[in-house]
Amino acid sequence: MELDWFIGSFPNAYIETKFTLPQGIDYSPNSIVWTDPNGLIFPVASETYMDGAAGAPDMVIVRWNNASRPAGFIFSGGNNFRFNVVSDCSERVVAGCSQFWDLNISAQTTLTIDPTCTNCPTRCIWR
């Protein structure tokens, strides 16, 4: 899939992904890397990490700006996001780290074509 909005016509466009991490793991700041099938890396413009602490999920919000998109970067099924996490057993209210548990990380990616436009809604492009 090619995002036609991520061209010169919309220089202020950005893509933002919100990752929700379950209790028991913490995100390692500045570790996210987005690569395309050819190994090109799309540099991160900004990153926000909110540790939910005990009993609540953590949230990582990462933004990529159109102006920073490397020439030749392809949006396709071969793209991947990689990031590091560390265990935080103090967040596990139920069982601590004494047993295995599922780590269901969810993500939602949105596209904003023009942040100055009042009637141009942000759209979900991947879930």
C-alpha atoms as a PDB file:
ATOM      1  CA  MET A   1       0.000   0.000   0.000  1.00  0.00           C
ATOM      2  CA  GLU A   2       1.381   3.375  -0.946  1.00  0.00           C
ATOM      3  CA  LEU A   3       0.198   6.400   1.001  1.00  0.00           C
ATOM      4  CA  ASP A   4      -0.416   9.014  -1.681  1.00  0.00           C
ATOM      5  CA  TRP A   5      -0.791  11.690   1.018  1.00  0.00           C
ATOM      6  CA  PHE A   6       2.838  11.218   1.996  1.00  0.00           C
ATOM      7  CA  ILE A   7       4.103  13.179  -0.999  1.00  0.00           C
ATOM      8  CA  GLY A   8       5.291  16.745  -1.508  1.00  0.00           C
ATOM      9  CA  SER A   9       1.714  18.076  -1.614  1.00  0.00           C
ATOM     10  CA  PHE A  10       1.414  17.565   2.150  1.00  0.00           C
ATOM     11  CA  PRO A  11       4.804  18.429   3.665  1.00  0.00           C
ATOM     12  CA  ASN A  12       3.409  18.630   7.224  1.00  0.00           C
ATOM     13  CA  ALA A  13       1.719  15.222   7.141  1.00  0.00           C
ATOM     14  CA  TYR A  14       2.649  12.722   9.817  1.00  0.00           C
ATOM     15  CA  ILE A  15       1.982   9.157  10.860  1.00  0.00           C
ATOM     16  CA  GLU A  16       1.548   8.373  14.532  1.00  0.00           C
ATOM     17  CA  THR A  17       1.433   4.946  16.173  1.00  0.00           C
ATOM     18  CA  LYS A  18       0.121   4.294  19.675  1.00  0.00           C
ATOM     19  CA  PHE A  19       1.391   1.050  21.191  1.00  0.00           C
ATOM     20  CA  THR A  20      -0.328  -0.311  24.296  1.00  0.00           C
ATOM     21  CA  LEU A  21       1.893  -2.589  26.385  1.00  0.00           C
ATOM     22  CA  PRO A  22       0.456  -4.895  29.056  1.00  0.00           C
ATOM     23  CA  GLN A  23       1.344  -4.956  32.734  1.00  0.00           C
ATOM     24  CA  GLY A  24       4.709  -6.484  33.466  1.00  0.00           C
ATOM     25  CA  ILE A  25       6.794  -4.962  30.699  1.00  0.00           C
ATOM     26  CA  ASP A  26       8.248  -1.502  30.210  1.00  0.00           C
ATOM     27  CA  TYR A  27       9.311   0.098  26.951  1.00  0.00           C
ATOM     28  CA  SER A  28      13.015   0.875  26.489  1.00  0.00           C
ATOM     29  CA  PRO A  29      13.019   4.538  25.414  1.00  0.00           C
ATOM     30  CA  ASN A  30      14.377   5.455  21.986  1.00  0.00           C
ATOM     31  CA  SER A  31      14.511   1.838  20.848  1.00  0.00           C
ATOM     32  CA  ILE A  32      11.807   1.826  18.154  1.00  0.00           C
ATOM     33  CA  VAL A  33      12.847   1.276  14.549  1.00  0.00           C
ATOM     34  CA  TRP A  34      10.520   1.250  11.526  1.00  0.00           C
ATOM     35  CA  THR A  35      12.004  -0.460   8.461  1.00  0.00           C
ATOM     36  CA  ASP A  36      10.624  -1.125   5.000  1.00  0.00           C
ATOM     37  CA  PRO A  37      11.156  -4.375   3.032  1.00  0.00           C
ATOM     38  CA  ASN A  38      14.430  -3.019   1.625  1.00  0.00           C
ATOM     39  CA  GLY A  39      15.842  -2.237   5.070  1.00  0.00           C
ATOM     40  CA  LEU A  40      15.363   1.546   4.859  1.00  0.00           C
ATOM     41  CA  ILE A  41      14.737   3.107   8.259  1.00  0.00           C
ATOM     42  CA  PHE A  42      12.141   5.844   8.740  1.00  0.00           C
ATOM     43  CA  PRO A  43      13.588   8.110  11.481  1.00  0.00           C
ATOM     44  CA  VAL A  44      11.422   8.873  14.505  1.00  0.00           C
ATOM     45  CA  ALA A  45      10.336  12.512  14.852  1.00  0.00           C
ATOM     46  CA  SER A  46       9.056  12.248  18.416  1.00  0.00           C
ATOM     47  CA  GLU A  47       8.349   9.653  21.070  1.00  0.00           C
ATOM     48  CA  THR A  48       6.292   9.754  24.262  1.00  0.00           C
ATOM     49  CA  TYR A  49       6.289   6.965  26.850  1.00  0.00           C
ATOM     50  CA  MET A  50       3.776   6.776  29.687  1.00  0.00           C
ATOM     51  CA  ASP A  51       4.354   4.066  32.271  1.00  0.00           C
ATOM     52  CA  GLY A  52       0.973   2.919  33.570  1.00  0.00           C
ATOM     53  CA  ALA A  53       2.574   1.493  36.739  1.00  0.00           C
ATOM     54  CA  ALA A  54       0.894  -1.291  38.728  1.00  0.00           C
ATOM     55  CA  GLY A  55      -2.408  -2.469  37.316  1.00  0.00           C
ATOM     56  CA  ALA A  56      -2.457  -0.309  34.189  1.00  0.00           C
ATOM     57  CA  PRO A  57      -1.051  -0.706  30.675  1.00  0.00           C
ATOM     58  CA  ASP A  58       1.795   1.443  29.355  1.00  0.00           C
ATOM     59  CA  MET A  59       1.449   3.644  26.274  1.00  0.00           C
ATOM     60  CA  VAL A  60       4.098   4.517  23.695  1.00  0.00           C
ATOM     61  CA  ILE A  61       3.253   7.161  21.092  1.00  0.00           C
ATOM     62  CA  VAL A  62       5.651   7.524  18.175  1.00  0.00           C
ATOM     63  CA  ARG A  63       5.445  10.055  15.347  1.00  0.00           C
ATOM     64  CA  TRP A  64       7.049   9.986  11.916  1.00  0.00           C
ATOM     65  CA  ASN A  65       6.996  13.185   9.824  1.00  0.00           C
ATOM     66  CA  ASN A  66       6.554  13.236   6.069  1.00  0.00           C
ATOM     67  CA  ALA A  67       9.482  15.652   5.767  1.00  0.00           C
ATOM     68  CA  SER A  68      11.802  13.003   7.292  1.00  0.00           C
ATOM     69  CA  ARG A  69      10.674  10.103   5.101  1.00  0.00           C
ATOM     70  CA  PRO A  70      13.762   8.666   3.397  1.00  0.00           C
ATOM     71  CA  ALA A  71      13.746   8.657  -0.392  1.00  0.00           C
ATOM     72  CA  GLY A  72      12.618   5.256  -1.610  1.00  0.00           C
ATOM     73  CA  PHE A  73      10.929   4.225   1.672  1.00  0.00           C
ATOM     74  CA  ILE A  74       8.089   1.838   0.769  1.00  0.00           C
ATOM     75  CA  PHE A  75       4.858   1.354   2.731  1.00  0.00           C
ATOM     76  CA  SER A  76       3.979  -2.313   2.271  1.00  0.00           C
ATOM     77  CA  GLY A  77       3.280  -5.622   3.971  1.00  0.00           C
ATOM     78  CA  GLY A  78       7.001  -6.108   4.501  1.00  0.00           C
ATOM     79  CA  ASN A  79       7.345  -3.146   6.872  1.00  0.00           C
ATOM     80  CA  ASN A  80       8.072  -3.851  10.517  1.00  0.00           C
ATOM     81  CA  PHE A  81       8.305  -2.067  13.829  1.00  0.00           C
ATOM     82  CA  ARG A  82      10.907  -3.275  16.328  1.00  0.00           C
ATOM     83  CA  PHE A  83      11.450  -2.057  19.857  1.00  0.00           C
ATOM     84  CA  ASN A  84      12.889  -3.275  23.132  1.00  0.00           C
ATOM     85  CA  VAL A  85      11.069  -3.993  26.364  1.00  0.00           C
ATOM     86  CA  VAL A  86      12.198  -5.028  29.836  1.00  0.00           C
ATOM     87  CA  SER A  87      10.249  -6.900  32.485  1.00  0.00           C
ATOM     88  CA  ASP A  88       8.792  -4.988  35.426  1.00  0.00           C
ATOM     89  CA  CYS A  89       7.352  -7.543  37.827  1.00  0.00           C
ATOM     90  CA  SER A  90       6.165  -4.832  40.213  1.00  0.00           C
ATOM     91  CA  GLU A  91       3.408  -4.024  37.700  1.00  0.00           C
ATOM     92  CA  ARG A  92       2.001  -7.549  37.792  1.00  0.00           C
ATOM     93  CA  VAL A  93      -0.740  -7.192  40.393  1.00  0.00           C
ATOM     94  CA  VAL A  94      -2.108 -10.726  39.984  1.00  0.00           C
ATOM     95  CA  ALA A  95       0.856 -13.070  39.760  1.00  0.00           C
ATOM     96  CA  GLY A  96       4.080 -11.084  39.697  1.00  0.00           C
ATOM     97  CA  CYS A  97       6.679 -12.820  37.571  1.00  0.00           C
ATOM     98  CA  SER A  98       6.282 -16.237  39.152  1.00  0.00           C
ATOM     99  CA  GLN A  99       4.555 -17.649  36.090  1.00  0.00           C
ATOM    100  CA  PHE A 100       4.234 -17.124  32.345  1.00  0.00           C
ATOM    101  CA  TRP A 101       1.639 -14.740  30.977  1.00  0.00           C
ATOM    102  CA  ASP A 102       0.558 -13.515  27.561  1.00  0.00           C
ATOM    103  CA  LEU A 103       2.059 -10.309  26.240  1.00  0.00           C
ATOM    104  CA  ASN A 104      -0.550  -8.830  23.965  1.00  0.00           C
ATOM    105  CA  ILE A 105       0.836  -5.618  22.509  1.00  0.00           C
ATOM    106  CA  SER A 106      -1.692  -3.648  20.500  1.00  0.00           C
ATOM    107  CA  ALA A 107      -1.058  -0.808  18.081  1.00  0.00           C
ATOM    108  CA  GLN A 108      -3.077   1.737  16.169  1.00  0.00           C
ATOM    109  CA  THR A 109      -1.529   3.865  13.430  1.00  0.00           C
ATOM    110  CA  THR A 110      -3.115   7.092  12.238  1.00  0.00           C
ATOM    111  CA  LEU A 111      -2.385   9.522   9.429  1.00  0.00           C
ATOM    112  CA  THR A 112      -2.770  13.276   9.705  1.00  0.00           C
ATOM    113  CA  ILE A 113      -2.412  14.921   6.307  1.00  0.00           C
ATOM    114  CA  ASP A 114      -2.437  18.538   7.431  1.00  0.00           C
ATOM    115  CA  PRO A 115      -2.337  19.408  11.140  1.00  0.00           C
ATOM    116  CA  THR A 116      -3.403  23.012  10.379  1.00  0.00           C
ATOM    117  CA  CYS A 117      -6.596  21.968   8.559  1.00  0.00           C
ATOM    118  CA  THR A 118      -9.665  22.131  10.809  1.00  0.00           C
ATOM    119  CA  ASN A 119     -11.852  19.900   8.622  1.00  0.00           C
ATOM    120  CA  CYS A 120      -9.214  17.291   7.678  1.00  0.00           C
ATOM    121  CA  PRO A 121      -9.710  14.450  10.152  1.00  0.00           C
ATOM    122  CA  THR A 122      -6.983  12.142  11.355  1.00  0.00           C
ATOM    123  CA  ARG A 123      -7.624   8.668   9.937  1.00  0.00           C
ATOM    124  CA  CYS A 124      -6.760   5.212  11.259  1.00  0.00           C
ATOM    125  CA  ILE A 125      -4.704   3.430   8.597  1.00  0.00           C
ATOM    126  CA  TRP A 126      -3.507   0.319  10.477  1.00  0.00           C
ATOM    127  CA  ARG A 127      -4.731  -1.499  13.553  1.00  0.00           C
END
